[in-house]
């Protein structure tokens, strides 16, 4: 994947990429570029279909936030079902929604929150 995706060259391994995405002080435009490129490759190249779990890890802070809000508003929701639904909705959004190269994560998280 790294050989096919030049935006990943600066990252030595997946943990570096994850740390970059979880760093709130990191460059948002660069995050958008990387996420947009990863999503485009995920959608258009069958060789990269197995990176879906990477999206869950990269966006886990947002998933945790949405999970917390949902649990507060609906404490009777089964925890495991909620986690599974959030992950499934996230991958559906990444696979099917119109994604533009601007505010990529924000748009995905906003749509996930709405669902």
N, C-alpha and C. Protein backbone atom coordinates (compact mmCIF):
# COMPACT_ATOMS: atom_id res chain seq x y z
N UNK A 1 0.83 -1.19 0.00
CA UNK A 1 0.00 0.00 0.00
C UNK A 1 0.88 1.25 0.00
N UNK A 2 1.91 1.22 0.82
CA UNK A 2 2.79 2.39 0.92
C UNK A 2 3.45 2.71 -0.42
N UNK A 3 3.80 1.69 -1.18
CA UNK A 3 4.42 1.90 -2.49
C UNK A 3 3.45 2.54 -3.48
N UNK A 4 2.17 2.27 -3.34
CA UNK A 4 1.15 2.81 -4.25
C UNK A 4 0.64 4.18 -3.83
N UNK A 5 0.91 4.58 -2.61
CA UNK A 5 0.29 5.77 -2.04
C UNK A 5 1.38 6.73 -1.54
N UNK A 6 1.81 7.69 -2.35
CA UNK A 6 2.90 8.58 -1.97
C UNK A 6 2.65 9.38 -0.69
N UNK A 7 1.40 9.65 -0.35
CA UNK A 7 1.13 10.43 0.88
C UNK A 7 1.50 9.65 2.13
N UNK A 8 1.72 8.34 2.00
CA UNK A 8 2.09 7.51 3.15
C UNK A 8 3.60 7.39 3.34
N UNK A 9 4.41 7.87 2.39
CA UNK A 9 5.86 7.73 2.49
C UNK A 9 6.44 8.26 3.80
N UNK A 10 5.98 9.40 4.31
CA UNK A 10 6.61 9.91 5.55
C UNK A 10 6.37 9.05 6.80
N UNK A 11 5.46 8.11 6.72
CA UNK A 11 5.12 7.30 7.89
C UNK A 11 5.85 5.96 7.81
N UNK A 12 6.63 5.66 8.83
CA UNK A 12 7.44 4.45 8.83
C UNK A 12 6.60 3.18 8.90
N UNK A 13 5.48 3.26 9.61
CA UNK A 13 4.62 2.08 9.77
C UNK A 13 3.20 2.55 10.12
N UNK A 14 2.26 1.62 10.19
CA UNK A 14 0.88 2.03 10.48
C UNK A 14 0.72 2.76 11.81
N UNK A 15 1.53 2.42 12.81
CA UNK A 15 1.39 3.10 14.10
C UNK A 15 1.76 4.58 14.00
N UNK A 16 2.70 4.93 13.12
CA UNK A 16 3.03 6.34 12.89
C UNK A 16 1.85 7.08 12.27
N UNK A 17 1.20 6.43 11.32
CA UNK A 17 0.04 7.02 10.66
C UNK A 17 -1.10 7.21 11.66
N UNK A 18 -1.33 6.22 12.49
CA UNK A 18 -2.39 6.30 13.49
C UNK A 18 -2.08 7.42 14.49
N UNK A 19 -0.84 7.50 14.94
CA UNK A 19 -0.45 8.56 15.88
C UNK A 19 -0.66 9.94 15.26
N UNK A 20 -0.34 10.07 13.98
CA UNK A 20 -0.56 11.34 13.28
C UNK A 20 -2.04 11.70 13.27
N UNK A 21 -2.89 10.76 12.96
CA UNK A 21 -4.33 11.02 12.89
C UNK A 21 -4.92 11.31 14.27
N UNK A 22 -4.38 10.74 15.30
CA UNK A 22 -4.91 10.95 16.65
C UNK A 22 -4.33 12.19 17.33
N UNK A 23 -3.33 12.80 16.71
CA UNK A 23 -2.73 14.03 17.23
C UNK A 23 -3.61 15.21 16.82
N UNK A 24 -4.24 15.84 17.79
CA UNK A 24 -5.16 16.95 17.48
C UNK A 24 -4.43 18.17 16.94
N UNK A 25 -3.14 18.28 17.17
CA UNK A 25 -2.37 19.42 16.69
C UNK A 25 -1.83 19.21 15.28
N UNK A 26 -1.99 18.01 14.73
CA UNK A 26 -1.46 17.70 13.40
C UNK A 26 -2.22 18.48 12.32
N UNK A 27 -1.57 18.67 11.20
CA UNK A 27 -2.08 19.43 10.06
C UNK A 27 -3.37 18.81 9.50
N UNK A 28 -4.48 19.53 9.63
CA UNK A 28 -5.78 19.01 9.17
C UNK A 28 -5.84 18.84 7.66
N UNK A 29 -5.21 19.76 6.92
CA UNK A 29 -5.22 19.64 5.46
C UNK A 29 -4.48 18.37 5.02
N UNK A 30 -3.40 18.08 5.70
CA UNK A 30 -2.64 16.87 5.37
C UNK A 30 -3.46 15.62 5.71
N UNK A 31 -4.15 15.65 6.84
CA UNK A 31 -5.03 14.54 7.19
C UNK A 31 -6.10 14.34 6.12
N UNK A 32 -6.68 15.44 5.64
CA UNK A 32 -7.69 15.35 4.58
C UNK A 32 -7.10 14.71 3.32
N UNK A 33 -5.91 15.16 2.93
CA UNK A 33 -5.27 14.61 1.73
C UNK A 33 -5.05 13.10 1.87
N UNK A 34 -4.53 12.69 3.01
CA UNK A 34 -4.24 11.27 3.22
C UNK A 34 -5.53 10.46 3.26
N UNK A 35 -6.51 10.93 4.02
CA UNK A 35 -7.76 10.19 4.14
C UNK A 35 -8.49 10.10 2.80
N UNK A 36 -8.50 11.20 2.06
CA UNK A 36 -9.14 11.19 0.74
C UNK A 36 -8.45 10.20 -0.19
N UNK A 37 -7.12 10.20 -0.18
CA UNK A 37 -6.37 9.26 -1.02
C UNK A 37 -6.65 7.81 -0.61
N UNK A 38 -6.65 7.54 0.69
CA UNK A 38 -6.94 6.17 1.16
C UNK A 38 -8.35 5.73 0.76
N UNK A 39 -9.31 6.61 0.92
CA UNK A 39 -10.69 6.27 0.56
C UNK A 39 -10.81 6.03 -0.93
N UNK A 40 -10.18 6.87 -1.72
CA UNK A 40 -10.22 6.69 -3.18
C UNK A 40 -9.63 5.35 -3.58
N UNK A 41 -8.51 5.00 -3.01
CA UNK A 41 -7.89 3.71 -3.32
C UNK A 41 -8.75 2.55 -2.82
N UNK A 42 -9.32 2.69 -1.66
CA UNK A 42 -10.21 1.66 -1.10
C UNK A 42 -11.40 1.40 -2.03
N UNK A 43 -11.95 2.46 -2.58
CA UNK A 43 -13.12 2.33 -3.44
C UNK A 43 -12.77 1.82 -4.84
N UNK A 44 -11.62 2.21 -5.35
CA UNK A 44 -11.31 1.96 -6.76
C UNK A 44 -10.34 0.83 -7.04
N UNK A 45 -9.71 0.30 -6.03
CA UNK A 45 -8.68 -0.71 -6.27
C UNK A 45 -8.94 -1.90 -5.35
N UNK A 46 -9.37 -3.01 -5.92
CA UNK A 46 -9.71 -4.19 -5.12
C UNK A 46 -8.54 -4.71 -4.29
N UNK A 47 -7.31 -4.35 -4.67
CA UNK A 47 -6.15 -4.80 -3.89
C UNK A 47 -6.14 -4.17 -2.51
N UNK A 48 -6.85 -3.07 -2.33
CA UNK A 48 -6.83 -2.34 -1.06
C UNK A 48 -8.14 -2.45 -0.29
N UNK A 49 -8.95 -3.45 -0.58
CA UNK A 49 -10.24 -3.60 0.10
C UNK A 49 -10.07 -4.03 1.56
N UNK A 50 -8.92 -4.53 1.92
CA UNK A 50 -8.71 -5.00 3.29
C UNK A 50 -8.27 -3.90 4.25
N UNK A 51 -8.30 -2.63 3.81
CA UNK A 51 -7.91 -1.55 4.72
C UNK A 51 -9.09 -0.96 5.49
N UNK A 52 -10.26 -1.54 5.36
CA UNK A 52 -11.43 -1.03 6.09
C UNK A 52 -11.17 -0.91 7.59
N UNK A 53 -10.52 -1.89 8.22
CA UNK A 53 -10.25 -1.73 9.66
C UNK A 53 -9.35 -0.52 9.97
N UNK A 54 -8.51 -0.14 9.03
CA UNK A 54 -7.66 1.03 9.24
C UNK A 54 -8.51 2.29 9.42
N UNK A 55 -9.58 2.41 8.66
CA UNK A 55 -10.47 3.58 8.80
C UNK A 55 -11.07 3.62 10.21
N UNK A 56 -11.44 2.46 10.73
CA UNK A 56 -12.01 2.39 12.08
C UNK A 56 -10.98 2.87 13.10
N UNK A 57 -9.74 2.44 12.94
CA UNK A 57 -8.69 2.85 13.88
C UNK A 57 -8.37 4.33 13.73
N UNK A 58 -8.25 4.81 12.49
CA UNK A 58 -7.92 6.22 12.28
C UNK A 58 -8.98 7.14 12.85
N UNK A 59 -10.23 6.73 12.76
CA UNK A 59 -11.34 7.57 13.21
C UNK A 59 -11.88 7.16 14.58
N UNK A 60 -11.12 6.34 15.31
CA UNK A 60 -11.60 5.85 16.61
C UNK A 60 -11.89 6.95 17.62
N UNK A 61 -11.15 8.07 17.66
CA UNK A 61 -11.56 9.12 18.61
C UNK A 61 -12.98 9.64 18.33
N UNK A 62 -13.31 9.82 17.07
CA UNK A 62 -14.66 10.27 16.71
C UNK A 62 -15.69 9.19 17.03
N UNK A 63 -15.35 7.94 16.76
CA UNK A 63 -16.26 6.84 17.09
C UNK A 63 -16.52 6.79 18.59
N UNK A 64 -15.49 6.99 19.39
CA UNK A 64 -15.64 6.97 20.84
C UNK A 64 -16.54 8.11 21.31
N UNK A 65 -16.40 9.25 20.70
CA UNK A 65 -17.22 10.40 21.05
C UNK A 65 -18.69 10.15 20.72
N UNK A 66 -18.95 9.62 19.54
CA UNK A 66 -20.33 9.32 19.14
C UNK A 66 -20.90 8.22 20.02
N UNK A 67 -20.10 7.24 20.34
CA UNK A 67 -20.54 6.16 21.24
C UNK A 67 -20.97 6.73 22.59
N UNK A 68 -20.15 7.62 23.14
CA UNK A 68 -20.45 8.21 24.45
C UNK A 68 -21.75 9.01 24.40
N UNK A 69 -21.95 9.79 23.36
CA UNK A 69 -23.19 10.56 23.22
C UNK A 69 -24.40 9.64 23.11
N UNK A 70 -24.28 8.59 22.32
CA UNK A 70 -25.40 7.66 22.14
C UNK A 70 -25.72 6.94 23.45
N UNK A 71 -24.71 6.55 24.19
CA UNK A 71 -24.95 5.86 25.46
C UNK A 71 -25.59 6.78 26.48
N UNK A 72 -25.21 8.06 26.48
CA UNK A 72 -25.83 9.02 27.40
C UNK A 72 -27.30 9.21 27.08
N UNK A 73 -27.60 9.34 25.82
CA UNK A 73 -28.98 9.58 25.40
C UNK A 73 -29.86 8.35 25.45
N UNK A 74 -29.26 7.19 25.30
CA UNK A 74 -30.01 5.93 25.26
C UNK A 74 -29.23 4.86 26.04
N UNK A 75 -29.25 4.92 27.37
CA UNK A 75 -28.44 4.00 28.16
C UNK A 75 -28.85 2.53 28.01
N UNK A 76 -30.02 2.26 27.48
CA UNK A 76 -30.47 0.88 27.33
C UNK A 76 -29.92 0.18 26.09
N UNK A 77 -29.25 0.93 25.23
CA UNK A 77 -28.70 0.32 24.01
C UNK A 77 -27.59 -0.65 24.40
N UNK A 78 -27.62 -1.83 23.81
CA UNK A 78 -26.57 -2.82 24.06
C UNK A 78 -25.24 -2.27 23.54
N UNK A 79 -24.22 -2.31 24.38
CA UNK A 79 -22.91 -1.74 24.03
C UNK A 79 -22.30 -2.38 22.80
N UNK A 80 -22.32 -3.69 22.76
CA UNK A 80 -21.70 -4.38 21.62
C UNK A 80 -22.45 -4.09 20.32
N UNK A 81 -23.78 -4.04 20.38
CA UNK A 81 -24.57 -3.71 19.19
C UNK A 81 -24.25 -2.30 18.70
N UNK A 82 -24.13 -1.37 19.64
CA UNK A 82 -23.83 0.01 19.27
C UNK A 82 -22.46 0.12 18.61
N UNK A 83 -21.47 -0.53 19.18
CA UNK A 83 -20.13 -0.50 18.59
C UNK A 83 -20.14 -1.11 17.20
N UNK A 84 -20.80 -2.23 17.06
CA UNK A 84 -20.89 -2.88 15.75
C UNK A 84 -21.60 -1.98 14.74
N UNK A 85 -22.71 -1.38 15.15
CA UNK A 85 -23.44 -0.49 14.24
C UNK A 85 -22.60 0.71 13.83
N UNK A 86 -21.90 1.31 14.78
CA UNK A 86 -21.05 2.46 14.45
C UNK A 86 -19.98 2.09 13.42
N UNK A 87 -19.35 0.95 13.62
CA UNK A 87 -18.30 0.52 12.69
C UNK A 87 -18.88 0.20 11.31
N UNK A 88 -20.01 -0.46 11.28
CA UNK A 88 -20.66 -0.78 10.00
C UNK A 88 -21.10 0.48 9.27
N UNK A 89 -21.72 1.41 9.99
CA UNK A 89 -22.14 2.67 9.37
C UNK A 89 -20.93 3.44 8.84
N UNK A 90 -19.85 3.45 9.60
CA UNK A 90 -18.64 4.15 9.16
C UNK A 90 -18.15 3.59 7.83
N UNK A 91 -18.04 2.28 7.74
CA UNK A 91 -17.54 1.66 6.50
C UNK A 91 -18.53 1.89 5.35
N UNK A 92 -19.83 1.83 5.63
CA UNK A 92 -20.82 2.13 4.59
C UNK A 92 -20.67 3.55 4.07
N UNK A 93 -20.49 4.49 4.98
CA UNK A 93 -20.32 5.89 4.57
C UNK A 93 -19.08 6.05 3.72
N UNK A 94 -17.99 5.45 4.15
CA UNK A 94 -16.74 5.55 3.40
C UNK A 94 -16.88 4.91 2.02
N UNK A 95 -17.60 3.81 1.95
CA UNK A 95 -17.77 3.10 0.69
C UNK A 95 -18.75 3.78 -0.26
N UNK A 96 -19.81 4.40 0.27
CA UNK A 96 -20.92 4.81 -0.58
C UNK A 96 -21.17 6.31 -0.67
N UNK A 97 -20.80 7.09 0.30
CA UNK A 97 -21.14 8.51 0.31
C UNK A 97 -20.23 9.32 -0.60
N UNK A 98 -20.77 10.44 -1.05
CA UNK A 98 -19.96 11.36 -1.85
C UNK A 98 -18.91 11.99 -0.93
N UNK A 99 -17.66 11.76 -1.24
CA UNK A 99 -16.56 12.28 -0.43
C UNK A 99 -15.77 13.26 -1.29
N UNK A 100 -15.57 14.45 -0.78
CA UNK A 100 -14.76 15.44 -1.47
C UNK A 100 -13.45 15.62 -0.70
N UNK A 101 -12.43 16.19 -1.34
CA UNK A 101 -11.14 16.30 -0.67
C UNK A 101 -11.07 17.37 0.42
N UNK A 102 -12.17 18.02 0.74
CA UNK A 102 -12.17 19.08 1.74
C UNK A 102 -12.97 18.64 2.96
N UNK A 103 -12.35 18.73 4.14
CA UNK A 103 -12.98 18.33 5.40
C UNK A 103 -13.51 16.90 5.34
N UNK A 104 -12.67 16.01 4.90
CA UNK A 104 -13.04 14.62 4.68
C UNK A 104 -13.55 13.98 5.97
N UNK A 105 -12.73 14.00 7.00
CA UNK A 105 -13.11 13.35 8.26
C UNK A 105 -14.35 14.00 8.85
N UNK A 106 -14.42 15.32 8.81
CA UNK A 106 -15.56 16.03 9.36
C UNK A 106 -16.87 15.64 8.69
N UNK A 107 -16.83 15.49 7.39
CA UNK A 107 -18.04 15.09 6.66
C UNK A 107 -18.44 13.66 6.99
N UNK A 108 -17.46 12.78 7.08
CA UNK A 108 -17.74 11.39 7.40
C UNK A 108 -18.32 11.29 8.81
N UNK A 109 -17.67 11.96 9.76
CA UNK A 109 -18.13 11.91 11.15
C UNK A 109 -19.50 12.56 11.29
N UNK A 110 -19.74 13.65 10.59
CA UNK A 110 -21.05 14.29 10.62
C UNK A 110 -22.14 13.38 10.12
N UNK A 111 -21.89 12.70 9.02
CA UNK A 111 -22.88 11.77 8.49
C UNK A 111 -23.08 10.58 9.44
N UNK A 112 -22.01 10.11 10.03
CA UNK A 112 -22.11 9.01 10.99
C UNK A 112 -22.93 9.44 12.20
N UNK A 113 -22.70 10.63 12.67
CA UNK A 113 -23.45 11.15 13.82
C UNK A 113 -24.94 11.23 13.47
N UNK A 114 -25.25 11.66 12.27
CA UNK A 114 -26.66 11.75 11.84
C UNK A 114 -27.33 10.38 11.75
N UNK A 115 -26.59 9.41 11.31
CA UNK A 115 -27.18 8.06 11.21
C UNK A 115 -27.44 7.49 12.58
